[in-house]
Amino acid sequence: MASLRDLKKDINYVLGDIIEAVYIWELSNPDKDIQKSGAIIDEAIDTFDDLIAKVNDKSVDNRKKHLKGVNQELEDRGRALIEKINKLG
């Protein structure tokens, strides 16, 4: 596990890239309904808030294991959001 700062940057970059991909999809498909894409953006923002809160939680017993779990959760939730973007079609 890299530093705490790197984990926070990863969370920011991954979810920022997902939001950017949704905006690109919306610009590429102006005739499509954007309610579903807006929901993906909202979910990405909620995921960001949730993961940052978990990273900043200092009350856990095994901090290293906790942060590895946060990193894994970022990967899982990021993949799920990307799948939703791909299904917008």
Protein backbone atom coordinates (compact mmCIF):
# COMPACT_ATOMS: atom_id res chain seq x y z
CA MET A 1 0.00 0.00 0.00
CA ALA A 2 1.34 3.36 -0.97
CA SER A 3 0.95 6.47 1.10
CA LEU A 4 -2.30 7.88 2.38
CA ARG A 5 -1.90 10.85 0.06
CA ASP A 6 -1.60 8.52 -2.94
CA LEU A 7 -4.79 6.70 -1.96
CA LYS A 8 -6.67 9.99 -1.73
CA LYS A 9 -5.29 11.01 -5.13
CA ASP A 10 -6.34 7.66 -6.61
CA ILE A 11 -9.88 8.13 -5.30
CA ASN A 12 -10.00 11.62 -6.76
CA TYR A 13 -8.56 10.64 -10.15
CA VAL A 14 -10.62 7.48 -10.64
CA LEU A 15 -13.93 9.04 -9.77
CA GLY A 16 -13.06 12.27 -11.59
CA ASP A 17 -12.29 10.28 -14.73
CA ILE A 18 -15.60 8.45 -14.41
CA ILE A 19 -17.50 11.72 -14.12
CA GLU A 20 -15.58 13.10 -17.10
CA ALA A 21 -16.51 10.00 -19.13
CA VAL A 22 -20.17 10.59 -18.34
CA TYR A 23 -19.92 14.21 -19.47
CA ILE A 24 -18.26 13.11 -22.71
CA TRP A 25 -21.05 10.58 -23.25
CA GLU A 26 -23.66 13.29 -22.68
CA LEU A 27 -21.97 15.60 -25.19
CA SER A 28 -21.67 12.79 -27.72
CA ASN A 29 -25.33 11.81 -27.31
CA PRO A 30 -27.34 15.04 -27.04
CA ASP A 31 -30.55 13.29 -28.12
CA LYS A 32 -30.39 10.71 -25.29
CA ASP A 33 -32.06 11.05 -21.89
CA ILE A 34 -29.50 12.32 -19.40
CA GLN A 35 -31.32 11.26 -16.22
CA LYS A 36 -29.48 7.93 -16.13
CA SER A 37 -26.12 9.58 -16.73
CA GLY A 38 -26.90 12.16 -14.06
CA ALA A 39 -27.60 9.32 -11.63
CA ILE A 40 -24.16 7.86 -12.40
CA ILE A 41 -22.54 11.22 -11.62
CA ASP A 42 -24.47 11.42 -8.35
CA GLU A 43 -23.37 7.89 -7.45
CA ALA A 44 -19.73 8.75 -8.24
CA ILE A 45 -19.91 11.81 -5.97
CA ASP A 46 -21.50 9.75 -3.19
CA THR A 47 -18.78 7.11 -3.63
CA PHE A 48 -16.11 9.80 -3.39
CA ASP A 49 -17.58 11.20 -0.19
CA ASP A 50 -17.95 7.73 1.32
CA LEU A 51 -14.42 6.59 0.49
CA ILE A 52 -12.77 9.81 1.69
CA ALA A 53 -14.69 9.52 4.97
CA LYS A 54 -13.41 5.96 5.35
CA VAL A 55 -9.83 7.03 4.61
CA ASN A 56 -10.06 9.78 7.23
CA ASP A 57 -11.52 7.43 9.87
CA LYS A 58 -8.77 7.07 12.44
CA SER A 59 -10.78 4.97 14.89
CA VAL A 60 -10.09 1.63 13.16
CA ASP A 61 -7.91 -0.95 14.89
CA ASN A 62 -5.78 -2.12 11.97
CA ARG A 63 -5.30 0.99 9.82
CA LYS A 64 -3.20 -0.70 7.14
CA LYS A 65 -5.80 -3.44 6.59
CA HIS A 66 -8.58 -0.84 6.63
CA LEU A 67 -6.88 1.25 3.93
CA LYS A 68 -6.30 -1.82 1.76
CA GLY A 69 -10.01 -2.49 2.05
CA VAL A 70 -10.79 1.07 0.99
CA ASN A 71 -8.49 0.65 -2.01
CA GLN A 72 -10.27 -2.58 -2.98
CA GLU A 73 -13.65 -0.92 -2.54
CA LEU A 74 -12.50 1.89 -4.86
CA GLU A 75 -11.64 -0.69 -7.52
CA ASP A 76 -14.94 -2.55 -7.13
CA ARG A 77 -17.17 0.50 -7.08
CA GLY A 78 -15.20 2.13 -9.91
CA ARG A 79 -15.66 -0.93 -12.10
CA ALA A 80 -19.39 -0.98 -11.33
CA LEU A 81 -19.70 2.68 -12.36
CA ILE A 82 -17.77 2.05 -15.58
CA GLU A 83 -20.10 -0.84 -16.40
CA LYS A 84 -23.06 1.49 -15.92
CA ILE A 85 -21.49 4.00 -18.31
CA ASN A 86 -20.95 1.27 -20.89
CA LYS A 87 -24.61 0.25 -20.63
CA LEU A 88 -25.85 3.78 -21.36
CA GLY A 89 -25.48 3.09 -25.07
